[in-house]
Amino acid sequence: MIEFHGKTLETFKAGLHTHSTVSDGQFPPQEVIRRYADHGYRALALTDHRKTHPVGCYDSCGMTLIPGIEIHPQGPRGIPWHLLSLGVPEGFPAEYASGQEAVDAVNAAGGIVFEAHPYWCGFTAAELMTLKGVCGIEVYNTSTRYIGKAYNMQIWDELLDAGCRCSALAVDDMHRSCDLFRGWTVICAENSEPDSLLDALRTGSFYSSQGPELYRIRCEGGIFEAAFSPCVEAILMTSKSNGFCGCVPDEAGPGSPAREVTEVHFDLRGCNPQNYLRLQLRDRNGCCAWSMPLYL
């Protein structure tokens, strides 16, 4: 459970970007499901390239299965979009003349769209902003770490600085076993029904993580508070050069063991943060977690 902006909600650890032998993955769909279930996940999206899944025909292994697809219409500068589309029906079309046509079709079908690994693709924030109706991007993508492009925090902040409302997932983008269980999304929802989980994703009721857990987050009366598993860094990000640091000072000098914090309390009154606030955590293993933006 989590205290999420005044509500007590259930948490669902979710893998939202996976591939199987239906496209270019290592494992058959049922094996993908089993592996994530065995690792404690509560929700899983099967998002093969250009193909949907009959998720009702699989053994869910106790998880909520979310239907999905990754769509690749042509994008700017000849770069194909990688549109991670969740909540679309079986047999959803995969070919579109443009990225906007694809996004519009997903939204019309009751689904939601995230642009996958924008750093890996080579997209700029300005190019991402040409797509209307996209929920967000991926802040962390495990499979792109092999070429050093797993993290997308800078482009996320560029979008937020420009006034875009943009959430961000952490995902495995699992193609093979070396991609498993390194990035996930914790959905904060009333129940485990697919529509409940999709609504939570649509409204930003989730956080993304490589390890740290978030237990409480709220911002009320100019006070931002959060409680979480032990971390060596907790930064409240906001626009441009502004921000609020929750790191523990390195009082013993360089090389001394990092001290940990488990909560932060930031008094924002008189500070005039602009556009957005988002909490970014890092634990002593270097693993991060990210809250979704609060829009000001």
C-alpha atoms as a PDB file:
ATOM      1  CA  MET A   1       0.000   0.000   0.000  1.00  0.00           C
ATOM      2  CA  ILE A   2       1.029   3.604  -0.512  1.00  0.00           C
ATOM      3  CA  GLU A   3      -0.207   6.954   0.796  1.00  0.00           C
ATOM      4  CA  PHE A   4      -0.501   8.690  -2.547  1.00  0.00           C
ATOM      5  CA  HIS A   5      -1.482  12.361  -2.386  1.00  0.00           C
ATOM      6  CA  GLY A   6      -4.115  11.845   0.285  1.00  0.00           C
ATOM      7  CA  LYS A   7      -5.331   8.416  -0.839  1.00  0.00           C
ATOM      8  CA  THR A   8      -4.349   4.980   0.425  1.00  0.00           C
ATOM      9  CA  LEU A   9      -3.916   2.865  -2.679  1.00  0.00           C
ATOM     10  CA  GLU A  10      -2.771  -0.622  -3.516  1.00  0.00           C
ATOM     11  CA  THR A  11       0.505  -0.992  -5.409  1.00  0.00           C
ATOM     12  CA  PHE A  12       1.043  -3.201  -8.450  1.00  0.00           C
ATOM     13  CA  LYS A  13       4.586  -3.871  -9.621  1.00  0.00           C
ATOM     14  CA  ALA A  14       4.260  -3.936 -13.395  1.00  0.00           C
ATOM     15  CA  GLY A  15       6.393  -4.870 -16.375  1.00  0.00           C
ATOM     16  CA  LEU A  16       5.016  -2.748 -19.187  1.00  0.00           C
ATOM     17  CA  HIS A  17       7.396  -3.347 -22.106  1.00  0.00           C
ATOM     18  CA  THR A  18       8.174  -6.959 -23.040  1.00  0.00           C
ATOM     19  CA  HIS A  19       8.774  -8.991 -26.182  1.00  0.00           C
ATOM     20  CA  SER A  20       8.274 -12.676 -26.922  1.00  0.00           C
ATOM     21  CA  THR A  21       8.850 -15.086 -29.790  1.00  0.00           C
ATOM     22  CA  VAL A  22       5.767 -13.534 -31.384  1.00  0.00           C
ATOM     23  CA  SER A  23       8.221 -10.833 -32.545  1.00  0.00           C
ATOM     24  CA  ASP A  24      11.924 -10.680 -31.622  1.00  0.00           C
ATOM     25  CA  GLY A  25      11.997 -11.979 -28.037  1.00  0.00           C
ATOM     26  CA  GLN A  26      13.803 -15.034 -26.653  1.00  0.00           C
ATOM     27  CA  PHE A  27      10.887 -16.664 -24.809  1.00  0.00           C
ATOM     28  CA  PRO A  28       7.370 -17.770 -25.804  1.00  0.00           C
ATOM     29  CA  PRO A  29       4.575 -15.596 -24.343  1.00  0.00           C
ATOM     30  CA  GLN A  30       3.640 -18.057 -21.591  1.00  0.00           C
ATOM     31  CA  GLU A  31       7.274 -18.279 -20.483  1.00  0.00           C
ATOM     32  CA  VAL A  32       7.493 -14.485 -20.303  1.00  0.00           C
ATOM     33  CA  ILE A  33       4.394 -14.453 -18.093  1.00  0.00           C
ATOM     34  CA  ARG A  34       5.738 -17.181 -15.815  1.00  0.00           C
ATOM     35  CA  ARG A  35       9.097 -15.496 -15.298  1.00  0.00           C
ATOM     36  CA  TYR A  36       7.577 -12.176 -14.272  1.00  0.00           C
ATOM     37  CA  ALA A  37       5.017 -13.836 -12.004  1.00  0.00           C
ATOM     38  CA  ASP A  38       7.738 -15.880 -10.298  1.00  0.00           C
ATOM     39  CA  HIS A  39       9.616 -12.637  -9.603  1.00  0.00           C
ATOM     40  CA  GLY A  40       6.713 -11.020  -7.744  1.00  0.00           C
ATOM     41  CA  TYR A  41       5.219  -8.845 -10.470  1.00  0.00           C
ATOM     42  CA  ARG A  42       1.487  -8.204 -10.256  1.00  0.00           C
ATOM     43  CA  ALA A  43       0.837  -6.868 -13.756  1.00  0.00           C
ATOM     44  CA  LEU A  44       2.400  -7.463 -17.151  1.00  0.00           C
ATOM     45  CA  ALA A  45       1.970  -6.023 -20.632  1.00  0.00           C
ATOM     46  CA  LEU A  46       2.896  -8.110 -23.661  1.00  0.00           C
ATOM     47  CA  THR A  47       3.993  -5.529 -26.251  1.00  0.00           C
ATOM     48  CA  ASP A  48       5.430  -7.300 -29.249  1.00  0.00           C
ATOM     49  CA  HIS A  49       6.376  -5.378 -32.370  1.00  0.00           C
ATOM     50  CA  ARG A  50       3.383  -4.880 -34.662  1.00  0.00           C
ATOM     51  CA  LYS A  51       1.401  -7.751 -33.106  1.00  0.00           C
ATOM     52  CA  THR A  52      -1.143  -8.019 -30.297  1.00  0.00           C
ATOM     53  CA  HIS A  53      -1.798 -11.000 -28.042  1.00  0.00           C
ATOM     54  CA  PRO A  54      -4.951 -12.918 -27.090  1.00  0.00           C
ATOM     55  CA  VAL A  55      -4.146 -12.326 -23.420  1.00  0.00           C
ATOM     56  CA  GLY A  56      -7.337 -14.055 -22.279  1.00  0.00           C
ATOM     57  CA  CYS A  57      -6.006 -17.327 -23.685  1.00  0.00           C
ATOM     58  CA  TYR A  58      -2.892 -17.360 -21.494  1.00  0.00           C
ATOM     59  CA  ASP A  59      -2.462 -18.530 -17.913  1.00  0.00           C
ATOM     60  CA  SER A  60      -1.962 -15.208 -16.120  1.00  0.00           C
ATOM     61  CA  CYS A  61      -0.125 -16.898 -13.213  1.00  0.00           C
ATOM     62  CA  GLY A  62      -2.040 -14.607 -10.850  1.00  0.00           C
ATOM     63  CA  MET A  63      -1.070 -11.368 -12.583  1.00  0.00           C
ATOM     64  CA  THR A  64      -3.178  -8.841 -14.444  1.00  0.00           C
ATOM     65  CA  LEU A  65      -2.321  -9.109 -18.138  1.00  0.00           C
ATOM     66  CA  ILE A  66      -2.545  -5.877 -20.118  1.00  0.00           C
ATOM     67  CA  PRO A  67      -2.829  -6.172 -23.897  1.00  0.00           C
ATOM     68  CA  GLY A  68      -0.360  -4.093 -25.850  1.00  0.00           C
ATOM     69  CA  ILE A  69       1.642  -3.571 -29.014  1.00  0.00           C
ATOM     70  CA  GLU A  70       4.701  -1.587 -30.131  1.00  0.00           C
ATOM     71  CA  ILE A  71       3.968   0.387 -33.300  1.00  0.00           C
ATOM     72  CA  HIS A  72       6.585   1.853 -35.659  1.00  0.00           C
ATOM     73  CA  PRO A  73       5.258   4.474 -38.073  1.00  0.00           C
ATOM     74  CA  GLN A  74       7.785   6.712 -39.776  1.00  0.00           C
ATOM     75  CA  GLY A  75       8.982   9.648 -37.689  1.00  0.00           C
ATOM     76  CA  PRO A  76      11.106  12.774 -38.171  1.00  0.00           C
ATOM     77  CA  ARG A  77      14.457  12.527 -40.007  1.00  0.00           C
ATOM     78  CA  GLY A  78      13.539   9.045 -41.170  1.00  0.00           C
ATOM     79  CA  ILE A  79      13.608   7.648 -37.615  1.00  0.00           C
ATOM     80  CA  PRO A  80      10.710   5.288 -36.866  1.00  0.00           C
ATOM     81  CA  TRP A  81       8.605   5.987 -33.806  1.00  0.00           C
ATOM     82  CA  HIS A  82       8.528   3.311 -31.109  1.00  0.00           C
ATOM     83  CA  LEU A  83       5.010   3.803 -29.764  1.00  0.00           C
ATOM     84  CA  LEU A  84       4.429   1.599 -26.718  1.00  0.00           C
ATOM     85  CA  SER A  85       0.658   1.199 -26.822  1.00  0.00           C
ATOM     86  CA  LEU A  86      -1.215  -0.307 -23.866  1.00  0.00           C
ATOM     87  CA  GLY A  87      -4.840  -1.371 -23.512  1.00  0.00           C
ATOM     88  CA  VAL A  88      -5.556  -1.975 -27.197  1.00  0.00           C
ATOM     89  CA  PRO A  89      -7.803  -4.845 -28.356  1.00  0.00           C
ATOM     90  CA  GLU A  90      -6.565  -8.039 -29.958  1.00  0.00           C
ATOM     91  CA  GLY A  91      -5.988  -7.582 -33.683  1.00  0.00           C
ATOM     92  CA  PHE A  92      -5.325  -3.849 -33.336  1.00  0.00           C
ATOM     93  CA  PRO A  93      -3.824  -2.537 -36.603  1.00  0.00           C
ATOM     94  CA  ALA A  94      -0.072  -1.966 -36.661  1.00  0.00           C
ATOM     95  CA  GLU A  95       0.470   0.071 -39.835  1.00  0.00           C
ATOM     96  CA  TYR A  96      -0.120   3.836 -39.994  1.00  0.00           C
ATOM     97  CA  ALA A  97       0.880   6.637 -42.313  1.00  0.00           C
ATOM     98  CA  SER A  98       2.166   8.798 -39.458  1.00  0.00           C
ATOM     99  CA  GLY A  99       2.906   8.776 -35.766  1.00  0.00           C
ATOM    100  CA  GLN A 100      -0.035  11.066 -35.063  1.00  0.00           C
ATOM    101  CA  GLU A 101      -2.421   8.772 -36.923  1.00  0.00           C
ATOM    102  CA  ALA A 102      -1.210   5.862 -34.770  1.00  0.00           C
ATOM    103  CA  VAL A 103      -1.547   7.801 -31.505  1.00  0.00           C
ATOM    104  CA  ASP A 104      -5.047   8.940 -32.441  1.00  0.00           C
ATOM    105  CA  ALA A 105      -6.057   5.354 -33.243  1.00  0.00           C
ATOM    106  CA  VAL A 106      -4.756   4.024 -29.916  1.00  0.00           C
ATOM    107  CA  ASN A 107      -6.545   6.740 -27.959  1.00  0.00           C
ATOM    108  CA  ALA A 108      -9.773   6.180 -29.893  1.00  0.00           C
ATOM    109  CA  ALA A 109      -9.599   2.487 -28.945  1.00  0.00           C
ATOM    110  CA  GLY A 110      -9.320   3.374 -25.244  1.00  0.00           C
ATOM    111  CA  GLY A 111      -5.584   2.729 -25.019  1.00  0.00           C
ATOM    112  CA  ILE A 112      -2.642   4.881 -23.972  1.00  0.00           C
ATOM    113  CA  VAL A 113       0.693   5.612 -25.665  1.00  0.00           C
ATOM    114  CA  PHE A 114       4.224   6.121 -24.361  1.00  0.00           C
ATOM    115  CA  GLU A 115       7.170   6.880 -26.632  1.00  0.00           C
ATOM    116  CA  ALA A 116       9.796   4.239 -25.894  1.00  0.00           C
ATOM    117  CA  HIS A 117      13.502   4.971 -25.287  1.00  0.00           C
ATOM    118  CA  PRO A 118      13.705   8.423 -26.955  1.00  0.00           C
ATOM    119  CA  TYR A 119      17.462   8.769 -26.268  1.00  0.00           C
ATOM    120  CA  TRP A 120      18.149   5.454 -28.011  1.00  0.00           C
ATOM    121  CA  CYS A 121      15.953   6.506 -30.943  1.00  0.00           C
ATOM    122  CA  GLY A 122      17.702   9.869 -31.223  1.00  0.00           C
ATOM    123  CA  PHE A 123      14.609  12.044 -30.887  1.00  0.00           C
ATOM    124  CA  THR A 124      14.779  15.591 -29.566  1.00  0.00           C
ATOM    125  CA  ALA A 125      12.257  17.057 -27.156  1.00  0.00           C
ATOM    126  CA  ALA A 126      10.985  19.313 -29.941  1.00  0.00           C
ATOM    127  CA  GLU A 127      10.319  16.274 -32.127  1.00  0.00           C
ATOM    128  CA  LEU A 128       8.516  14.463 -29.322  1.00  0.00           C
ATOM    129  CA  MET A 129       6.285  17.486 -28.803  1.00  0.00           C
ATOM    130  CA  THR A 130       4.932  17.170 -32.343  1.00  0.00           C
ATOM    131  CA  LEU A 131       2.948  14.103 -31.234  1.00  0.00           C
ATOM    132  CA  LYS A 132      -0.288  15.088 -29.486  1.00  0.00           C
ATOM    133  CA  GLY A 133      -2.110  12.763 -27.103  1.00  0.00           C
ATOM    134  CA  VAL A 134       0.919  10.810 -25.878  1.00  0.00           C
ATOM    135  CA  CYS A 135       0.916  10.038 -22.130  1.00  0.00           C
ATOM    136  CA  GLY A 136       4.669  10.135 -21.740  1.00  0.00           C
ATOM    137  CA  ILE A 137       8.016   8.475 -22.374  1.00  0.00           C
ATOM    138  CA  GLU A 138      10.272   5.891 -20.754  1.00  0.00           C
ATOM    139  CA  VAL A 139      12.610   7.375 -18.141  1.00  0.00           C
ATOM    140  CA  TYR A 140      14.582   4.117 -17.959  1.00  0.00           C
ATOM    141  CA  ASN A 141      14.842   1.294 -20.502  1.00  0.00           C
ATOM    142  CA  THR A 142      16.920  -1.738 -19.540  1.00  0.00           C
ATOM    143  CA  SER A 143      17.616  -3.113 -23.003  1.00  0.00           C
ATOM    144  CA  THR A 144      19.239   0.119 -24.212  1.00  0.00           C
ATOM    145  CA  ARG A 145      21.823   0.183 -21.424  1.00  0.00           C
ATOM    146  CA  TYR A 146      24.207  -1.839 -23.595  1.00  0.00           C
ATOM    147  CA  ILE A 147      24.927   1.250 -25.687  1.00  0.00           C
ATOM    148  CA  GLY A 148      24.784   3.684 -22.755  1.00  0.00           C
ATOM    149  CA  LYS A 149      21.360   5.155 -23.521  1.00  0.00           C
ATOM    150  CA  ALA A 150      19.141   3.662 -20.831  1.00  0.00           C
ATOM    151  CA  TYR A 151      18.276   6.916 -19.015  1.00  0.00           C
ATOM    152  CA  ASN A 152      15.995   9.646 -20.357  1.00  0.00           C
ATOM    153  CA  MET A 153      15.790  12.141 -17.479  1.00  0.00           C
ATOM    154  CA  GLN A 154      17.145  15.112 -19.427  1.00  0.00           C
ATOM    155  CA  ILE A 155      14.680  14.863 -22.285  1.00  0.00           C
ATOM    156  CA  TRP A 156      11.890  14.295 -19.736  1.00  0.00           C
ATOM    157  CA  ASP A 157      12.771  17.546 -17.979  1.00  0.00           C
ATOM    158  CA  GLU A 158      13.058  19.360 -21.299  1.00  0.00           C
ATOM    159  CA  LEU A 159       9.497  18.306 -22.094  1.00  0.00           C
ATOM    160  CA  LEU A 160       8.274  19.353 -18.652  1.00  0.00           C
ATOM    161  CA  ASP A 161      10.135  22.681 -18.855  1.00  0.00           C
ATOM    162  CA  ALA A 162       8.337  23.336 -22.139  1.00  0.00           C
ATOM    163  CA  GLY A 163       4.979  22.869 -20.417  1.00  0.00           C
ATOM    164  CA  CYS A 164       4.212  19.338 -21.609  1.00  0.00           C
ATOM    165  CA  ARG A 165       2.339  17.041 -19.257  1.00  0.00           C
ATOM    166  CA  CYS A 166       4.491  13.962 -19.485  1.00  0.00           C
ATOM    167  CA  SER A 167       4.717  10.853 -17.306  1.00  0.00           C
ATOM    168  CA  ALA A 168       7.570   8.348 -17.556  1.00  0.00           C
ATOM    169  CA  LEU A 169       7.813   4.569 -17.202  1.00  0.00           C
ATOM    170  CA  ALA A 170      10.737   2.405 -16.134  1.00  0.00           C
ATOM    171  CA  VAL A 171      10.786  -0.794 -18.173  1.00  0.00           C
ATOM    172  CA  ASP A 172      12.849  -3.812 -19.101  1.00  0.00           C
ATOM    173  CA  ASP A 173      11.971  -3.763 -22.809  1.00  0.00           C
ATOM    174  CA  MET A 174      12.668  -7.453 -22.330  1.00  0.00           C
ATOM    175  CA  HIS A 175      13.966  -9.325 -25.359  1.00  0.00           C
ATOM    176  CA  ARG A 176      16.203 -11.854 -23.578  1.00  0.00           C
ATOM    177  CA  SER A 177      17.071 -13.043 -20.088  1.00  0.00           C
ATOM    178  CA  CYS A 178      19.744 -10.369 -19.520  1.00  0.00           C
ATOM    179  CA  ASP A 179      17.011  -7.699 -19.705  1.00  0.00           C
ATOM    180  CA  LEU A 180      14.852  -9.125 -16.924  1.00  0.00           C
ATOM    181  CA  PHE A 181      13.816  -7.366 -13.696  1.00  0.00           C
ATOM    182  CA  ARG A 182      15.929  -4.177 -13.890  1.00  0.00           C
ATOM    183  CA  GLY A 183      13.244  -1.528 -14.396  1.00  0.00           C
ATOM    184  CA  TRP A 184       9.568  -1.524 -13.446  1.00  0.00           C
ATOM    185  CA  THR A 185       6.547   0.669 -12.880  1.00  0.00           C
ATOM    186  CA  VAL A 186       4.613   0.628  -9.597  1.00  0.00           C
ATOM    187  CA  ILE A 187       0.992   1.413 -10.390  1.00  0.00           C
ATOM    188  CA  CYS A 188      -1.025   2.922  -7.519  1.00  0.00           C
ATOM    189  CA  ALA A 189      -4.652   1.943  -8.026  1.00  0.00           C
ATOM    190  CA  GLU A 190      -7.880   0.933  -6.316  1.00  0.00           C
ATOM    191  CA  ASN A 191      -7.839  -2.617  -7.693  1.00  0.00           C
ATOM    192  CA  SER A 192      -6.133  -4.952 -10.152  1.00  0.00           C
ATOM    193  CA  GLU A 193      -8.662  -4.751 -12.987  1.00  0.00           C
ATOM    194  CA  PRO A 194      -7.042  -3.776 -16.308  1.00  0.00           C
ATOM    195  CA  ASP A 195      -9.193  -0.650 -16.623  1.00  0.00           C
ATOM    196  CA  SER A 196      -8.188   0.459 -13.118  1.00  0.00           C
ATOM    197  CA  LEU A 197      -4.492   0.017 -13.902  1.00  0.00           C
ATOM    198  CA  LEU A 198      -4.794   1.780 -17.247  1.00  0.00           C
ATOM    199  CA  ASP A 199      -6.674   4.693 -15.659  1.00  0.00           C
ATOM    200  CA  ALA A 200      -3.894   4.999 -13.071  1.00  0.00           C
ATOM    201  CA  LEU A 201      -1.275   5.092 -15.817  1.00  0.00           C
ATOM    202  CA  ARG A 202      -3.324   7.630 -17.743  1.00  0.00           C
ATOM    203  CA  THR A 203      -3.556   9.974 -14.732  1.00  0.00           C
ATOM    204  CA  GLY A 204       0.021   9.563 -13.472  1.00  0.00           C
ATOM    205  CA  SER A 205      -0.912   7.486 -10.426  1.00  0.00           C
ATOM    206  CA  PHE A 206       2.332   5.518 -10.374  1.00  0.00           C
ATOM    207  CA  TYR A 207       6.059   5.748  -9.829  1.00  0.00           C
ATOM    208  CA  SER A 208       8.929   4.171 -11.729  1.00  0.00           C
ATOM    209  CA  SER A 209      11.861   2.347 -10.175  1.00  0.00           C
ATOM    210  CA  GLN A 210      15.011   0.291 -10.464  1.00  0.00           C
ATOM    211  CA  GLY A 211      14.933  -0.546  -6.762  1.00  0.00           C
ATOM    212  CA  PRO A 212      13.837   2.156  -4.272  1.00  0.00           C
ATOM    213  CA  GLU A 213      10.294   1.888  -2.917  1.00  0.00           C
ATOM    214  CA  LEU A 214       8.020   4.847  -2.275  1.00  0.00           C
ATOM    215  CA  TYR A 215       5.704   4.611   0.747  1.00  0.00           C
ATOM    216  CA  ARG A 216       4.185   8.091   0.999  1.00  0.00           C
ATOM    217  CA  ILE A 217       4.097  11.189  -1.159  1.00  0.00           C
ATOM    218  CA  ARG A 218       2.063  14.359  -0.790  1.00  0.00           C
ATOM    219  CA  CYS A 219       2.234  18.083  -1.427  1.00  0.00           C
ATOM    220  CA  GLU A 220      -0.163  20.285   0.497  1.00  0.00           C
ATOM    221  CA  GLY A 221      -0.065  23.860   1.749  1.00  0.00           C
ATOM    222  CA  GLY A 222       3.340  24.459   0.204  1.00  0.00           C
ATOM    223  CA  ILE A 223       4.912  21.453   1.963  1.00  0.00           C
ATOM    224  CA  PHE A 224       6.221  18.481  -0.018  1.00  0.00           C
ATOM    225  CA  GLU A 225       6.722  15.248   1.935  1.00  0.00           C
ATOM    226  CA  ALA A 226       7.775  11.746   0.964  1.00  0.00           C
ATOM    227  CA  ALA A 227       8.810   8.535   2.717  1.00  0.00           C
ATOM    228  CA  PHE A 228      10.728   5.767   0.985  1.00  0.00           C
ATOM    229  CA  SER A 229      13.197   2.910   1.395  1.00  0.00           C
ATOM    230  CA  PRO A 230      16.762   3.946   2.390  1.00  0.00           C
ATOM    231  CA  CYS A 231      18.393   6.194  -0.219  1.00  0.00           C
ATOM    232  CA  VAL A 232      21.568   8.259  -0.360  1.00  0.00           C
ATOM    233  CA  GLU A 233      19.973  10.915  -2.542  1.00  0.00           C
ATOM    234  CA  ALA A 234      16.509  12.439  -2.745  1.00  0.00           C
ATOM    235  CA  ILE A 235      16.118  15.424  -5.031  1.00  0.00           C
ATOM    236  CA  LEU A 236      12.941  17.359  -5.720  1.00  0.00           C
ATOM    237  CA  MET A 237      13.320  18.364  -9.346  1.00  0.00           C
ATOM    238  CA  THR A 238      11.661  21.414 -10.833  1.00  0.00           C
ATOM    239  CA  SER A 239      12.125  23.674 -13.826  1.00  0.00           C
ATOM    240  CA  LYS A 240      15.444  24.794 -15.268  1.00  0.00           C
ATOM    241  CA  SER A 241      18.174  25.468 -12.663  1.00  0.00           C
ATOM    242  CA  ASN A 242      15.869  25.143  -9.650  1.00  0.00           C
ATOM    243  CA  GLY A 243      15.513  22.198  -7.290  1.00  0.00           C
ATOM    244  CA  PHE A 244      15.631  20.995  -3.696  1.00  0.00           C
ATOM    245  CA  CYS A 245      18.248  18.573  -2.430  1.00  0.00           C
ATOM    246  CA  GLY A 246      17.583  15.850   0.147  1.00  0.00           C
ATOM    247  CA  CYS A 247      21.077  14.357   0.099  1.00  0.00           C
ATOM    248  CA  VAL A 248      22.816  13.683   3.397  1.00  0.00           C
ATOM    249  CA  PRO A 249      25.991  15.840   3.573  1.00  0.00           C
ATOM    250  CA  ASP A 250      29.246  13.922   3.187  1.00  0.00           C
ATOM    251  CA  GLU A 251      30.496  15.162   6.541  1.00  0.00           C
ATOM    252  CA  ALA A 252      33.361  12.663   6.804  1.00  0.00           C
ATOM    253  CA  GLY A 253      34.885  13.717   3.493  1.00  0.00           C
ATOM    254  CA  PRO A 254      35.252  12.108   0.085  1.00  0.00           C
ATOM    255  CA  GLY A 255      35.250   8.331   0.088  1.00  0.00           C
ATOM    256  CA  SER A 256      33.387   7.967   3.376  1.00  0.00           C
ATOM    257  CA  PRO A 257      30.352   5.646   3.474  1.00  0.00           C
ATOM    258  CA  ALA A 258      27.166   7.261   2.255  1.00  0.00           C
ATOM    259  CA  ARG A 259      24.551   8.056   4.861  1.00  0.00           C
ATOM    260  CA  GLU A 260      20.966   7.234   4.041  1.00  0.00           C
ATOM    261  CA  VAL A 261      17.658   9.066   4.336  1.00  0.00           C
ATOM    262  CA  THR A 262      14.176   7.558   4.408  1.00  0.00           C
ATOM    263  CA  GLU A 263      12.069  10.709   4.181  1.00  0.00           C
ATOM    264  CA  VAL A 264      12.156  14.302   3.000  1.00  0.00           C
ATOM    265  CA  HIS A 265      10.242  17.410   3.999  1.00  0.00           C
ATOM    266  CA  PHE A 266      10.591  20.429   1.715  1.00  0.00           C
ATOM    267  CA  ASP A 267       9.026  23.789   2.575  1.00  0.00           C
ATOM    268  CA  LEU A 268       8.255  25.332  -0.806  1.00  0.00           C
ATOM    269  CA  ARG A 269       6.597  28.482   0.516  1.00  0.00           C
ATOM    270  CA  GLY A 270       8.391  31.496  -0.893  1.00  0.00           C
ATOM    271  CA  CYS A 271      10.518  29.355  -3.238  1.00  0.00           C
ATOM    272  CA  ASN A 272       8.267  29.792  -6.271  1.00  0.00           C
ATOM    273  CA  PRO A 273       8.958  26.511  -8.101  1.00  0.00           C
ATOM    274  CA  GLN A 274       7.617  26.604 -11.649  1.00  0.00           C
ATOM    275  CA  ASN A 275       5.855  24.204 -14.022  1.00  0.00           C
ATOM    276  CA  TYR A 276       6.325  20.946 -12.116  1.00  0.00           C
ATOM    277  CA  LEU A 277       7.797  19.015  -9.210  1.00  0.00           C
ATOM    278  CA  ARG A 278       9.086  15.440  -9.364  1.00  0.00           C
ATOM    279  CA  LEU A 279      11.006  13.403  -6.803  1.00  0.00           C
ATOM    280  CA  GLN A 280      14.114  11.516  -7.897  1.00  0.00           C
ATOM    281  CA  LEU A 281      15.678   8.945  -5.546  1.00  0.00           C
ATOM    282  CA  ARG A 282      18.964   7.026  -5.662  1.00  0.00           C
ATOM    283  CA  ASP A 283      20.006   4.236  -3.295  1.00  0.00           C
ATOM    284  CA  ARG A 284      23.513   3.137  -2.312  1.00  0.00           C
ATOM    285  CA  ASN A 285      23.530   0.618  -5.183  1.00  0.00           C
ATOM    286  CA  GLY A 286      23.029   3.413  -7.699  1.00  0.00           C
ATOM    287  CA  CYS A 287      19.440   2.380  -8.446  1.00  0.00           C
ATOM    288  CA  CYS A 288      16.923   5.172  -8.987  1.00  0.00           C
ATOM    289  CA  ALA A 289      13.214   5.788  -8.588  1.00  0.00           C
ATOM    290  CA  TRP A 290      11.111   8.583 -10.020  1.00  0.00           C
ATOM    291  CA  SER A 291       7.760  10.016  -8.936  1.00  0.00           C
ATOM    292  CA  MET A 292       5.429  11.425 -11.558  1.00  0.00           C
ATOM    293  CA  PRO A 293       5.261  15.199 -11.944  1.00  0.00           C
ATOM    294  CA  LEU A 294       3.011  17.415  -9.893  1.00  0.00           C
ATOM    295  CA  TYR A 295       1.970  20.263 -12.178  1.00  0.00           C
ATOM    296  CA  LEU A 296       1.995  23.772 -10.759  1.00  0.00           C
END
